[in-house]
Amino acid sequence: AMEWLADNGDPKIICHPAVVMFSDVFWGQLANRYFLLGRVYFLFMLIVFLFSQSVLTHLHEHVEDEKESEYIGILTCRIVIYLGSMTRFIYQQLKLLITDCKAGNVTRIAGVLPVPTYLFSYKEFGSMVLMICLILMLCMEPMLHCLGSGSEKLFDPHCEDAEHVKDAYSVISAVAMLLYWLLLTDLTVFSMRISAFLLVIGRVASEVGLFLGALVY
């Protein structure tokens, strides 16, 4: 109901005392708990991802100084990410895709390409791109490519079999890290100043994009 009121775009209706009271009760008694639990879980996954891709992989300047226990820690963090984050995104995206297809909520871009309506939400679109990044990372995982390399250290990611995927893996990992941080902007609802700042940034960014596009032509 709140989504319909917001889509209607009538400030008089959305500011009605009954609507305000309903939204306050709904948020304070029910929604905020599920929202916080979801965001805390997402923040935990971000921290695990940060440790697996940035902290544990840069403890030493030279590869020779890295220990087997550190490789095990990195692999453990990445397993948590693949099982706890990637599978969750896959489930959510499939659920939304099936729901939109059943309801006929499909928009055709240029009258040709059918796109589910839920993907026009920046959050869901970002989640889909992050899901794709995690799937590609799993397929390119250097530790998996080096399992049969015969290295003295268990789960050593530095081998010839993984050299051809390391650059692409690093780029996709950086994109995934950026998406994790961008999707965490939901927490700005707890600060009016930060929310207003992000709103202004979004408006200004679109105007800058139009200006740069005009310069190209």
N, C-alpha and C. Protein backbone atom coordinates (compact mmCIF):
# COMPACT_ATOMS: atom_id res chain seq x y z
N ALA A 1 0.82 -1.20 0.00
CA ALA A 1 0.00 0.00 0.00
C ALA A 1 0.87 1.26 0.00
N MET A 2 1.93 1.28 0.80
CA MET A 2 2.81 2.44 0.85
C MET A 2 3.50 2.66 -0.49
N GLU A 3 3.83 1.56 -1.17
CA GLU A 3 4.47 1.68 -2.48
C GLU A 3 3.51 2.29 -3.49
N TRP A 4 2.25 1.91 -3.42
CA TRP A 4 1.25 2.49 -4.33
C TRP A 4 1.08 3.98 -4.05
N LEU A 5 1.06 4.36 -2.78
CA LEU A 5 0.91 5.77 -2.43
C LEU A 5 2.11 6.59 -2.93
N ALA A 6 3.30 6.00 -2.81
CA ALA A 6 4.50 6.69 -3.28
C ALA A 6 4.50 6.83 -4.79
N ASP A 7 4.05 5.77 -5.50
CA ASP A 7 3.99 5.82 -6.96
C ASP A 7 2.95 6.83 -7.45
N ASN A 8 1.91 7.05 -6.63
CA ASN A 8 0.87 8.00 -7.02
C ASN A 8 1.40 9.44 -7.09
N GLY A 9 2.38 9.74 -6.21
CA GLY A 9 3.05 11.04 -6.27
C GLY A 9 2.23 12.21 -5.78
N ASP A 10 1.22 11.96 -4.95
CA ASP A 10 0.39 13.05 -4.42
C ASP A 10 0.86 13.40 -3.01
N PRO A 11 1.48 14.56 -2.79
CA PRO A 11 2.00 14.92 -1.46
C PRO A 11 0.90 15.08 -0.41
N LYS A 12 -0.31 15.46 -0.83
CA LYS A 12 -1.39 15.63 0.13
C LYS A 12 -1.81 14.29 0.74
N ILE A 13 -1.86 13.27 -0.10
CA ILE A 13 -2.25 11.94 0.40
C ILE A 13 -1.16 11.35 1.28
N ILE A 14 0.08 11.44 0.84
CA ILE A 14 1.18 10.83 1.59
C ILE A 14 1.41 11.51 2.93
N CYS A 15 0.98 12.79 3.06
CA CYS A 15 1.14 13.52 4.33
C CYS A 15 -0.11 13.46 5.20
N HIS A 16 -1.10 12.69 4.78
CA HIS A 16 -2.32 12.57 5.57
C HIS A 16 -2.01 11.93 6.92
N PRO A 17 -2.60 12.41 8.02
CA PRO A 17 -2.29 11.85 9.35
C PRO A 17 -2.49 10.35 9.46
N ALA A 18 -3.50 9.80 8.80
CA ALA A 18 -3.73 8.35 8.86
C ALA A 18 -2.60 7.58 8.20
N VAL A 19 -2.12 8.09 7.06
CA VAL A 19 -1.02 7.44 6.37
C VAL A 19 0.26 7.53 7.18
N VAL A 20 0.51 8.70 7.77
CA VAL A 20 1.70 8.89 8.60
C VAL A 20 1.68 7.97 9.80
N MET A 21 0.53 7.86 10.47
CA MET A 21 0.41 6.99 11.64
C MET A 21 0.62 5.52 11.25
N PHE A 22 0.02 5.12 10.12
CA PHE A 22 0.18 3.73 9.66
C PHE A 22 1.64 3.41 9.35
N SER A 23 2.32 4.31 8.64
CA SER A 23 3.71 4.08 8.28
C SER A 23 4.61 4.04 9.51
N ASP A 24 4.36 4.90 10.49
CA ASP A 24 5.15 4.90 11.72
C ASP A 24 4.96 3.61 12.51
N VAL A 25 3.70 3.16 12.62
CA VAL A 25 3.42 1.92 13.35
C VAL A 25 4.02 0.73 12.64
N PHE A 26 3.87 0.68 11.33
CA PHE A 26 4.39 -0.45 10.54
C PHE A 26 5.92 -0.52 10.63
N TRP A 27 6.58 0.65 10.53
CA TRP A 27 8.04 0.67 10.60
C TRP A 27 8.54 0.38 12.00
N GLY A 28 7.91 0.99 13.00
CA GLY A 28 8.40 0.84 14.37
C GLY A 28 8.13 -0.52 14.98
N GLN A 29 7.02 -1.18 14.59
CA GLN A 29 6.64 -2.44 15.21
C GLN A 29 7.08 -3.68 14.44
N LEU A 30 7.33 -3.54 13.13
CA LEU A 30 7.60 -4.74 12.34
C LEU A 30 8.76 -4.59 11.37
N ALA A 31 8.66 -3.60 10.48
CA ALA A 31 9.59 -3.54 9.35
C ALA A 31 11.03 -3.29 9.77
N ASN A 32 11.24 -2.44 10.79
CA ASN A 32 12.62 -2.07 11.13
C ASN A 32 13.44 -3.26 11.61
N ARG A 33 12.80 -4.23 12.27
CA ARG A 33 13.54 -5.40 12.76
C ARG A 33 14.06 -6.24 11.60
N TYR A 34 13.16 -6.53 10.64
CA TYR A 34 13.59 -7.33 9.49
C TYR A 34 14.60 -6.57 8.64
N PHE A 35 14.42 -5.26 8.54
CA PHE A 35 15.36 -4.45 7.78
C PHE A 35 16.75 -4.48 8.42
N LEU A 36 16.79 -4.30 9.75
CA LEU A 36 18.08 -4.30 10.45
C LEU A 36 18.76 -5.66 10.38
N LEU A 37 17.99 -6.74 10.55
CA LEU A 37 18.57 -8.08 10.46
C LEU A 37 19.17 -8.32 9.08
N GLY A 38 18.44 -7.91 8.04
CA GLY A 38 18.95 -8.08 6.69
C GLY A 38 20.19 -7.26 6.43
N ARG A 39 20.22 -6.03 6.93
CA ARG A 39 21.38 -5.17 6.72
C ARG A 39 22.59 -5.63 7.53
N VAL A 40 22.34 -6.13 8.74
CA VAL A 40 23.45 -6.66 9.56
C VAL A 40 24.06 -7.88 8.89
N TYR A 41 23.22 -8.75 8.34
CA TYR A 41 23.70 -9.92 7.61
C TYR A 41 24.51 -9.50 6.39
N PHE A 42 24.00 -8.51 5.65
CA PHE A 42 24.70 -8.02 4.46
C PHE A 42 26.03 -7.38 4.85
N LEU A 43 26.06 -6.63 5.96
CA LEU A 43 27.29 -6.01 6.43
C LEU A 43 28.30 -7.07 6.85
N PHE A 44 27.84 -8.15 7.47
CA PHE A 44 28.72 -9.25 7.85
C PHE A 44 29.35 -9.87 6.61
N MET A 45 28.55 -10.08 5.56
CA MET A 45 29.08 -10.65 4.33
C MET A 45 30.09 -9.71 3.68
N LEU A 46 29.84 -8.41 3.77
CA LEU A 46 30.79 -7.43 3.23
C LEU A 46 32.12 -7.51 3.96
N ILE A 47 32.08 -7.64 5.29
CA ILE A 47 33.32 -7.74 6.07
C ILE A 47 34.08 -9.01 5.72
N VAL A 48 33.37 -10.12 5.59
CA VAL A 48 34.01 -11.39 5.20
C VAL A 48 34.63 -11.26 3.81
N PHE A 49 33.91 -10.63 2.88
CA PHE A 49 34.43 -10.43 1.53
C PHE A 49 35.67 -9.54 1.56
N LEU A 50 35.64 -8.51 2.39
CA LEU A 50 36.78 -7.60 2.52
C LEU A 50 38.01 -8.34 3.04
N PHE A 51 37.81 -9.20 4.02
CA PHE A 51 38.93 -9.97 4.57
C PHE A 51 39.48 -10.95 3.53
N SER A 52 38.60 -11.61 2.79
CA SER A 52 39.05 -12.64 1.85
C SER A 52 39.76 -12.06 0.63
N GLN A 53 39.39 -10.83 0.23
CA GLN A 53 39.95 -10.26 -0.99
C GLN A 53 41.03 -9.21 -0.75
N SER A 54 41.05 -8.58 0.43
CA SER A 54 41.98 -7.48 0.63
C SER A 54 42.90 -7.66 1.83
N VAL A 55 42.35 -8.12 2.96
CA VAL A 55 43.15 -8.17 4.19
C VAL A 55 44.07 -9.38 4.21
N LEU A 56 43.50 -10.57 4.12
CA LEU A 56 44.28 -11.80 4.25
C LEU A 56 45.23 -12.02 3.07
N THR A 57 44.91 -11.43 1.93
CA THR A 57 45.76 -11.63 0.74
C THR A 57 46.93 -10.65 0.68
N HIS A 58 46.99 -9.69 1.61
CA HIS A 58 48.06 -8.70 1.59
C HIS A 58 48.76 -8.60 2.95
N LEU A 59 48.90 -9.72 3.61
CA LEU A 59 49.59 -9.72 4.90
C LEU A 59 51.11 -9.69 4.73
N HIS A 60 51.59 -10.13 3.58
CA HIS A 60 53.04 -10.19 3.33
C HIS A 60 53.36 -9.53 2.00
N GLU A 61 54.56 -8.99 1.90
CA GLU A 61 54.99 -8.35 0.67
C GLU A 61 55.38 -9.38 -0.38
N HIS A 62 55.92 -10.52 0.06
CA HIS A 62 56.40 -11.55 -0.86
C HIS A 62 55.54 -12.80 -0.74
N VAL A 63 55.30 -13.45 -1.88
CA VAL A 63 54.47 -14.65 -1.91
C VAL A 63 55.09 -15.78 -1.11
N GLU A 64 56.43 -15.82 -1.09
CA GLU A 64 57.12 -16.91 -0.38
C GLU A 64 56.86 -16.90 1.12
N ASP A 65 56.49 -15.71 1.67
CA ASP A 65 56.26 -15.60 3.11
C ASP A 65 54.85 -16.01 3.52
N GLU A 66 53.96 -16.23 2.57
CA GLU A 66 52.59 -16.60 2.89
C GLU A 66 52.52 -18.02 3.45
N LYS A 67 51.65 -18.22 4.42
CA LYS A 67 51.54 -19.50 5.11
C LYS A 67 50.31 -20.26 4.66
N GLU A 68 50.37 -21.57 4.87
CA GLU A 68 49.24 -22.43 4.49
C GLU A 68 47.99 -22.10 5.29
N SER A 69 48.16 -21.73 6.56
CA SER A 69 47.01 -21.38 7.40
C SER A 69 46.28 -20.15 6.86
N GLU A 70 47.04 -19.22 6.26
CA GLU A 70 46.42 -18.04 5.67
C GLU A 70 45.60 -18.41 4.44
N TYR A 71 46.09 -19.36 3.65
CA TYR A 71 45.33 -19.83 2.49
C TYR A 71 44.04 -20.50 2.94
N ILE A 72 44.11 -21.26 4.00
CA ILE A 72 42.91 -21.92 4.53
C ILE A 72 41.90 -20.88 5.01
N GLY A 73 42.39 -19.80 5.65
CA GLY A 73 41.51 -18.73 6.10
C GLY A 73 40.85 -18.02 4.93
N ILE A 74 41.63 -17.76 3.87
CA ILE A 74 41.08 -17.11 2.68
C ILE A 74 40.01 -17.99 2.04
N LEU A 75 40.30 -19.28 1.90
CA LEU A 75 39.34 -20.20 1.30
C LEU A 75 38.07 -20.29 2.14
N THR A 76 38.22 -20.31 3.45
CA THR A 76 37.04 -20.38 4.34
C THR A 76 36.15 -19.16 4.15
N CYS A 77 36.76 -17.98 4.10
CA CYS A 77 35.97 -16.75 3.89
C CYS A 77 35.26 -16.77 2.54
N ARG A 78 35.94 -17.26 1.52
CA ARG A 78 35.33 -17.27 0.20
C ARG A 78 34.20 -18.31 0.10
N ILE A 79 34.34 -19.42 0.81
CA ILE A 79 33.26 -20.40 0.86
C ILE A 79 32.03 -19.79 1.53
N VAL A 80 32.27 -19.02 2.60
CA VAL A 80 31.15 -18.34 3.29
C VAL A 80 30.46 -17.38 2.34
N ILE A 81 31.24 -16.66 1.53
CA ILE A 81 30.67 -15.71 0.57
C ILE A 81 29.85 -16.44 -0.49
N TYR A 82 30.43 -17.50 -1.06
CA TYR A 82 29.74 -18.21 -2.13
C TYR A 82 28.46 -18.89 -1.64
N LEU A 83 28.51 -19.45 -0.44
CA LEU A 83 27.34 -20.15 0.09
C LEU A 83 26.33 -19.20 0.74
N GLY A 84 26.83 -18.22 1.47
CA GLY A 84 25.95 -17.35 2.23
C GLY A 84 25.45 -16.13 1.48
N SER A 85 26.19 -15.69 0.47
CA SER A 85 25.81 -14.47 -0.26
C SER A 85 25.36 -14.78 -1.69
N MET A 86 26.19 -15.53 -2.41
CA MET A 86 25.86 -15.81 -3.82
C MET A 86 24.57 -16.61 -3.94
N THR A 87 24.41 -17.66 -3.14
CA THR A 87 23.19 -18.48 -3.22
C THR A 87 21.96 -17.68 -2.81
N ARG A 88 22.12 -16.76 -1.86
CA ARG A 88 21.00 -15.91 -1.43
C ARG A 88 20.57 -14.98 -2.56
N PHE A 89 21.55 -14.41 -3.26
CA PHE A 89 21.22 -13.54 -4.39
C PHE A 89 20.53 -14.33 -5.51
N ILE A 90 21.02 -15.54 -5.77
CA ILE A 90 20.41 -16.37 -6.81
C ILE A 90 18.95 -16.66 -6.48
N TYR A 91 18.68 -17.02 -5.22
CA TYR A 91 17.31 -17.30 -4.78
C TYR A 91 16.42 -16.07 -4.93
N GLN A 92 16.91 -14.92 -4.48
CA GLN A 92 16.10 -13.70 -4.54
C GLN A 92 15.82 -13.28 -5.98
N GLN A 93 16.84 -13.38 -6.85
CA GLN A 93 16.65 -12.98 -8.24
C GLN A 93 15.70 -13.91 -8.98
N LEU A 94 15.81 -15.21 -8.74
CA LEU A 94 14.90 -16.16 -9.37
C LEU A 94 13.46 -15.95 -8.88
N LYS A 95 13.31 -15.67 -7.58
CA LYS A 95 11.99 -15.44 -7.02
C LYS A 95 11.33 -14.21 -7.65
N LEU A 96 12.09 -13.11 -7.75
CA LEU A 96 11.55 -11.89 -8.35
C LEU A 96 11.27 -12.06 -9.84
N LEU A 97 12.15 -12.80 -10.53
CA LEU A 97 11.98 -13.04 -11.96
C LEU A 97 10.71 -13.84 -12.23
N ILE A 98 10.52 -14.91 -11.46
CA ILE A 98 9.33 -15.75 -11.64
C ILE A 98 8.06 -14.96 -11.31
N THR A 99 8.12 -14.16 -10.23
CA THR A 99 6.96 -13.35 -9.85
C THR A 99 6.57 -12.37 -10.94
N ASP A 100 7.54 -11.66 -11.49
CA ASP A 100 7.26 -10.69 -12.55
C ASP A 100 6.76 -11.37 -13.82
N CYS A 101 7.34 -12.52 -14.16
CA CYS A 101 6.91 -13.22 -15.38
C CYS A 101 5.48 -13.74 -15.24
N LYS A 102 5.15 -14.25 -14.07
CA LYS A 102 3.78 -14.75 -13.85
C LYS A 102 2.76 -13.61 -13.89
N ALA A 103 3.14 -12.45 -13.33
CA ALA A 103 2.23 -11.31 -13.29
C ALA A 103 2.24 -10.51 -14.59
N GLY A 104 3.14 -10.84 -15.49
CA GLY A 104 3.24 -10.10 -16.74
C GLY A 104 3.88 -8.75 -16.60
N ASN A 105 4.65 -8.55 -15.52
CA ASN A 105 5.33 -7.27 -15.29
C ASN A 105 6.64 -7.24 -16.07
N VAL A 106 6.52 -7.07 -17.36
CA VAL A 106 7.68 -7.06 -18.25
C VAL A 106 7.64 -5.80 -19.10
N THR A 107 8.75 -5.11 -19.17
CA THR A 107 8.87 -3.89 -19.98
C THR A 107 9.79 -4.17 -21.16
N ARG A 108 9.37 -3.79 -22.33
CA ARG A 108 10.19 -4.01 -23.53
C ARG A 108 11.00 -2.75 -23.85
N ILE A 109 12.30 -2.92 -23.85
CA ILE A 109 13.20 -1.81 -24.18
C ILE A 109 13.29 -1.69 -25.69
N ALA A 110 13.02 -0.51 -26.21
CA ALA A 110 13.00 -0.25 -27.65
C ALA A 110 11.97 -1.11 -28.35
N GLY A 111 10.98 -1.58 -27.58
CA GLY A 111 9.91 -2.39 -28.15
C GLY A 111 10.32 -3.79 -28.54
N VAL A 112 11.55 -4.19 -28.16
CA VAL A 112 12.06 -5.50 -28.59
C VAL A 112 12.51 -6.36 -27.40
N LEU A 113 13.42 -5.83 -26.59
CA LEU A 113 14.04 -6.61 -25.52
C LEU A 113 13.16 -6.62 -24.27
N PRO A 114 12.62 -7.79 -23.87
CA PRO A 114 11.79 -7.85 -22.66
C PRO A 114 12.65 -7.87 -21.40
N VAL A 115 12.33 -7.00 -20.45
CA VAL A 115 13.07 -6.90 -19.20
C VAL A 115 12.08 -6.92 -18.04
N PRO A 116 12.29 -7.79 -17.04
CA PRO A 116 11.41 -7.79 -15.87
C PRO A 116 11.41 -6.43 -15.18
N THR A 117 10.24 -6.02 -14.72
CA THR A 117 10.09 -4.68 -14.15
C THR A 117 10.95 -4.47 -12.91
N TYR A 118 11.20 -5.53 -12.13
CA TYR A 118 11.94 -5.36 -10.89
C TYR A 118 13.37 -4.90 -11.13
N LEU A 119 13.89 -5.13 -12.32
CA LEU A 119 15.27 -4.73 -12.62
C LEU A 119 15.41 -3.23 -12.81
N PHE A 120 14.31 -2.50 -12.89
CA PHE A 120 14.38 -1.04 -13.01
C PHE A 120 14.61 -0.39 -11.64
N SER A 121 14.62 -1.18 -10.58
CA SER A 121 15.03 -0.71 -9.26
C SER A 121 16.55 -0.82 -9.16
N TYR A 122 17.20 0.27 -8.79
CA TYR A 122 18.67 0.26 -8.74
C TYR A 122 19.20 -0.80 -7.79
N LYS A 123 18.47 -1.04 -6.69
CA LYS A 123 18.90 -2.02 -5.71
C LYS A 123 18.87 -3.43 -6.29
N GLU A 124 17.77 -3.78 -6.96
CA GLU A 124 17.64 -5.12 -7.52
C GLU A 124 18.57 -5.31 -8.71
N PHE A 125 18.76 -4.26 -9.50
CA PHE A 125 19.69 -4.35 -10.62
C PHE A 125 21.12 -4.54 -10.11
N GLY A 126 21.47 -3.77 -9.05
CA GLY A 126 22.79 -3.93 -8.46
C GLY A 126 22.98 -5.31 -7.86
N SER A 127 21.93 -5.86 -7.25
CA SER A 127 22.00 -7.21 -6.69
C SER A 127 22.22 -8.25 -7.79
N MET A 128 21.56 -8.06 -8.94
CA MET A 128 21.74 -8.99 -10.05
C MET A 128 23.17 -8.95 -10.58
N VAL A 129 23.71 -7.73 -10.74
CA VAL A 129 25.08 -7.60 -11.24
C VAL A 129 26.07 -8.20 -10.23
N LEU A 130 25.83 -7.98 -8.93
CA LEU A 130 26.69 -8.56 -7.90
C LEU A 130 26.61 -10.08 -7.92
N MET A 131 25.43 -10.63 -8.14
CA MET A 131 25.27 -12.08 -8.24
C MET A 131 26.09 -12.63 -9.41
N ILE A 132 26.04 -11.95 -10.55
CA ILE A 132 26.81 -12.38 -11.72
C ILE A 132 28.31 -12.32 -11.42
N CYS A 133 28.74 -11.27 -10.73
CA CYS A 133 30.15 -11.13 -10.37
C CYS A 133 30.61 -12.28 -9.47
N LEU A 134 29.79 -12.64 -8.49
CA LEU A 134 30.15 -13.73 -7.58
C LEU A 134 30.19 -15.07 -8.31
N ILE A 135 29.27 -15.28 -9.25
CA ILE A 135 29.29 -16.52 -10.03
C ILE A 135 30.55 -16.60 -10.88
N LEU A 136 30.93 -15.48 -11.51
CA LEU A 136 32.16 -15.45 -12.31
C LEU A 136 33.39 -15.66 -11.43
N MET A 137 33.38 -15.08 -10.24
CA MET A 137 34.51 -15.27 -9.33
C MET A 137 34.65 -16.73 -8.93
N LEU A 138 33.52 -17.41 -8.70
CA LEU A 138 33.58 -18.82 -8.36
C LEU A 138 34.15 -19.64 -9.51
N CYS A 139 33.75 -19.30 -10.74
CA CYS A 139 34.27 -20.03 -11.91
C CYS A 139 35.76 -19.77 -12.13
N MET A 140 36.22 -18.57 -11.75
CA MET A 140 37.63 -18.22 -11.95
C MET A 140 38.48 -18.37 -10.70
N GLU A 141 37.93 -18.90 -9.63
CA GLU A 141 38.63 -18.98 -8.36
C GLU A 141 40.03 -19.59 -8.53
N PRO A 142 41.10 -18.81 -8.26
CA PRO A 142 42.47 -19.33 -8.44
C PRO A 142 42.76 -20.57 -7.60
N MET A 143 42.21 -20.65 -6.40
CA MET A 143 42.47 -21.81 -5.55
C MET A 143 41.92 -23.09 -6.15
N LEU A 144 40.80 -22.99 -6.86
CA LEU A 144 40.25 -24.17 -7.53
C LEU A 144 41.10 -24.58 -8.72
N HIS A 145 41.62 -23.59 -9.44
CA HIS A 145 42.47 -23.89 -10.59
C HIS A 145 43.80 -24.51 -10.17
N CYS A 146 44.22 -24.25 -8.92
CA CYS A 146 45.53 -24.73 -8.47
C CYS A 146 45.45 -25.99 -7.61
N LEU A 147 44.26 -26.59 -7.53
CA LEU A 147 44.13 -27.77 -6.66
C LEU A 147 45.03 -28.91 -7.10
N GLY A 148 45.20 -29.11 -8.38
CA GLY A 148 46.03 -30.22 -8.87
C GLY A 148 47.40 -29.79 -9.33
N SER A 149 47.88 -28.66 -8.84
CA SER A 149 49.18 -28.15 -9.30
C SER A 149 50.36 -28.81 -8.62
N GLY A 150 50.12 -29.52 -7.52
CA GLY A 150 51.21 -30.19 -6.80
C GLY A 150 52.02 -29.25 -5.93
N SER A 151 51.44 -28.14 -5.50
CA SER A 151 52.15 -27.19 -4.64
C SER A 151 52.37 -27.78 -3.24
N GLU A 152 53.45 -27.35 -2.60
CA GLU A 152 53.75 -27.83 -1.26
C GLU A 152 52.74 -27.31 -0.24
N LYS A 153 52.18 -26.13 -0.48
CA LYS A 153 51.21 -25.53 0.43
C LYS A 153 49.79 -25.84 -0.04
N LEU A 154 48.94 -26.22 0.90
CA LEU A 154 47.55 -26.54 0.58
C LEU A 154 46.79 -25.28 0.19
N PHE A 155 46.02 -25.37 -0.90
CA PHE A 155 45.20 -24.26 -1.42
C PHE A 155 46.04 -23.06 -1.84
N ASP A 156 47.25 -23.31 -2.31
CA ASP A 156 48.11 -22.23 -2.81
C ASP A 156 47.53 -21.69 -4.11
N PRO A 157 47.16 -20.38 -4.16
CA PRO A 157 46.54 -19.84 -5.38
C PRO A 157 47.55 -19.38 -6.43
N HIS A 158 48.84 -19.50 -6.12
CA HIS A 158 49.88 -19.02 -7.03
C HIS A 158 50.46 -20.19 -7.82
N CYS A 159 49.91 -20.42 -8.98
CA CYS A 159 50.41 -21.48 -9.85
C CYS A 159 50.21 -21.08 -11.29
N GLU A 160 50.82 -21.80 -12.20
CA GLU A 160 50.73 -21.46 -13.62
C GLU A 160 49.31 -21.65 -14.16
N ASP A 161 48.59 -22.62 -13.62
CA ASP A 161 47.23 -22.89 -14.11
C ASP A 161 46.27 -21.74 -13.83
N ALA A 162 46.59 -20.91 -12.83
CA ALA A 162 45.69 -19.82 -12.45
C ALA A 162 46.14 -18.47 -12.99
N GLU A 163 47.29 -18.41 -13.66
CA GLU A 163 47.81 -17.13 -14.13
C GLU A 163 46.89 -16.46 -15.16
N HIS A 164 46.21 -17.28 -15.99
CA HIS A 164 45.40 -16.70 -17.06
C HIS A 164 44.07 -16.14 -16.57
N VAL A 165 43.71 -16.41 -15.31
CA VAL A 165 42.44 -15.90 -14.78
C VAL A 165 42.63 -14.85 -13.69
N LYS A 166 43.84 -14.64 -13.24
CA LYS A 166 44.07 -13.74 -12.11
C LYS A 166 43.68 -12.30 -12.40
N ASP A 167 44.03 -11.80 -13.57
CA ASP A 167 43.71 -10.41 -13.89
C ASP A 167 42.20 -10.19 -13.95
N ALA A 168 41.51 -11.08 -14.66
CA ALA A 168 40.05 -10.96 -14.76
C ALA A 168 39.40 -11.14 -13.39
N TYR A 169 39.94 -12.06 -12.60
CA TYR A 169 39.40 -12.28 -11.24
C TYR A 169 39.55 -11.03 -10.38
N SER A 170 40.68 -10.36 -10.48
CA SER A 170 40.92 -9.14 -9.69
C SER A 170 39.96 -8.02 -10.08
N VAL A 171 39.73 -7.86 -11.38
CA VAL A 171 38.82 -6.82 -11.85
C VAL A 171 37.39 -7.09 -11.37
N ILE A 172 36.93 -8.32 -11.53
CA ILE A 172 35.57 -8.68 -11.11
C ILE A 172 35.43 -8.55 -9.60
N SER A 173 36.48 -8.91 -8.87
CA SER A 173 36.47 -8.78 -7.41
C SER A 173 36.33 -7.31 -7.00
N ALA A 174 37.03 -6.42 -7.70
CA ALA A 174 36.93 -4.98 -7.40
C ALA A 174 35.52 -4.45 -7.69
N VAL A 175 34.92 -4.90 -8.79
CA VAL A 175 33.55 -4.48 -9.12
C VAL A 175 32.57 -4.98 -8.05
N ALA A 176 32.76 -6.24 -7.62
CA ALA A 176 31.90 -6.80 -6.57
C ALA A 176 32.04 -6.03 -5.26
N MET A 177 33.26 -5.64 -4.92
CA MET A 177 33.48 -4.87 -3.70
C MET A 177 32.75 -3.53 -3.78
N LEU A 178 32.82 -2.87 -4.93
CA LEU A 178 32.14 -1.59 -5.12
C LEU A 178 30.62 -1.76 -4.99
N LEU A 179 30.09 -2.84 -5.56
CA LEU A 179 28.65 -3.08 -5.50
C LEU A 179 28.20 -3.37 -4.08
N TYR A 180 29.01 -4.09 -3.31
CA TYR A 180 28.68 -4.34 -1.91
C TYR A 180 28.51 -3.03 -1.15
N TRP A 181 29.44 -2.09 -1.36
CA TRP A 181 29.36 -0.82 -0.66
C TRP A 181 28.16 0.01 -1.13
N LEU A 182 27.90 -0.02 -2.44
CA LEU A 182 26.78 0.76 -2.97
C LEU A 182 25.44 0.23 -2.46
N LEU A 183 25.32 -1.10 -2.37
CA LEU A 183 24.06 -1.68 -1.89
C LEU A 183 23.87 -1.48 -0.39
N LEU A 184 24.92 -1.06 0.29
CA LEU A 184 24.81 -0.82 1.72
C LEU A 184 24.26 0.57 2.03
N THR A 185 24.03 1.37 0.99
CA THR A 185 23.53 2.73 1.20
C THR A 185 22.12 2.76 1.77
N ASP A 186 21.45 1.61 1.85
CA ASP A 186 20.12 1.56 2.48
C ASP A 186 20.16 2.03 3.93
N LEU A 187 21.32 1.89 4.56
CA LEU A 187 21.43 2.27 5.97
C LEU A 187 21.33 3.78 6.17
N THR A 188 21.33 4.54 5.08
CA THR A 188 21.23 5.99 5.21
C THR A 188 19.84 6.42 5.69
N VAL A 189 18.87 5.50 5.73
CA VAL A 189 17.53 5.87 6.19
C VAL A 189 17.54 6.30 7.66
N PHE A 190 18.59 5.94 8.39
CA PHE A 190 18.67 6.30 9.80
C PHE A 190 19.25 7.70 10.00
N SER A 191 19.68 8.34 8.92
CA SER A 191 20.21 9.70 9.02
C SER A 191 19.60 10.56 7.92
N MET A 192 18.83 11.56 8.31
CA MET A 192 18.19 12.43 7.32
C MET A 192 19.22 13.22 6.52
N ARG A 193 20.31 13.63 7.16
CA ARG A 193 21.32 14.42 6.47
C ARG A 193 22.01 13.60 5.38
N ILE A 194 22.37 12.35 5.72
CA ILE A 194 23.04 11.49 4.74
C ILE A 194 22.09 11.14 3.60
N SER A 195 20.81 10.89 3.94
CA SER A 195 19.82 10.58 2.91
C SER A 195 19.66 11.75 1.95
N ALA A 196 19.60 12.97 2.51
CA ALA A 196 19.48 14.15 1.66
C ALA A 196 20.73 14.34 0.80
N PHE A 197 21.89 14.06 1.37
CA PHE A 197 23.14 14.18 0.63
C PHE A 197 23.16 13.21 -0.56
N LEU A 198 22.76 11.94 -0.33
CA LEU A 198 22.74 10.96 -1.41
C LEU A 198 21.72 11.33 -2.48
N LEU A 199 20.59 11.90 -2.04
CA LEU A 199 19.58 12.32 -3.00
C LEU A 199 20.12 13.42 -3.91
N VAL A 200 20.81 14.38 -3.31
CA VAL A 200 21.39 15.47 -4.09
C VAL A 200 22.47 14.94 -5.03
N ILE A 201 23.31 14.02 -4.53
CA ILE A 201 24.37 13.44 -5.36
C ILE A 201 23.77 12.73 -6.56
N GLY A 202 22.67 11.99 -6.33
CA GLY A 202 22.02 11.29 -7.44
C GLY A 202 21.50 12.24 -8.50
N ARG A 203 20.88 13.32 -8.05
CA ARG A 203 20.37 14.30 -9.01
C ARG A 203 21.51 14.99 -9.75
N VAL A 204 22.55 15.38 -9.01
CA VAL A 204 23.68 16.07 -9.65
C VAL A 204 24.41 15.14 -10.61
N ALA A 205 24.55 13.85 -10.23
CA ALA A 205 25.25 12.90 -11.09
C ALA A 205 24.55 12.74 -12.43
N SER A 206 23.22 12.70 -12.40
CA SER A 206 22.47 12.58 -13.66
C SER A 206 22.67 13.82 -14.53
N GLU A 207 22.69 15.00 -13.91
CA GLU A 207 22.90 16.23 -14.67
C GLU A 207 24.31 16.28 -15.25
N VAL A 208 25.29 15.83 -14.46
CA VAL A 208 26.67 15.79 -14.96
C VAL A 208 26.78 14.82 -16.13
N GLY A 209 26.08 13.68 -16.02
CA GLY A 209 26.09 12.72 -17.11
C GLY A 209 25.52 13.31 -18.40
N LEU A 210 24.43 14.06 -18.29
CA LEU A 210 23.84 14.71 -19.45
C LEU A 210 24.80 15.75 -20.04
N PHE A 211 25.47 16.47 -19.13
CA PHE A 211 26.43 17.50 -19.60
C PHE A 211 27.60 16.85 -20.36
N LEU A 212 28.12 15.76 -19.81
CA LEU A 212 29.24 15.07 -20.48
C LEU A 212 28.79 14.47 -21.81
N GLY A 213 27.54 13.95 -21.82
CA GLY A 213 27.02 13.43 -23.08
C GLY A 213 26.89 14.51 -24.13
N ALA A 214 26.46 15.71 -23.69
CA ALA A 214 26.36 16.82 -24.63
C ALA A 214 27.73 17.24 -25.17
N LEU A 215 28.75 17.16 -24.30
CA LEU A 215 30.10 17.52 -24.74
C LEU A 215 30.62 16.57 -25.81
N VAL A 216 30.25 15.30 -25.71
CA VAL A 216 30.71 14.31 -26.68
C VAL A 216 30.18 14.65 -28.07
N TYR A 217 28.92 15.11 -28.11
CA TYR A 217 28.35 15.45 -29.40
C TYR A 217 28.69 16.88 -29.82
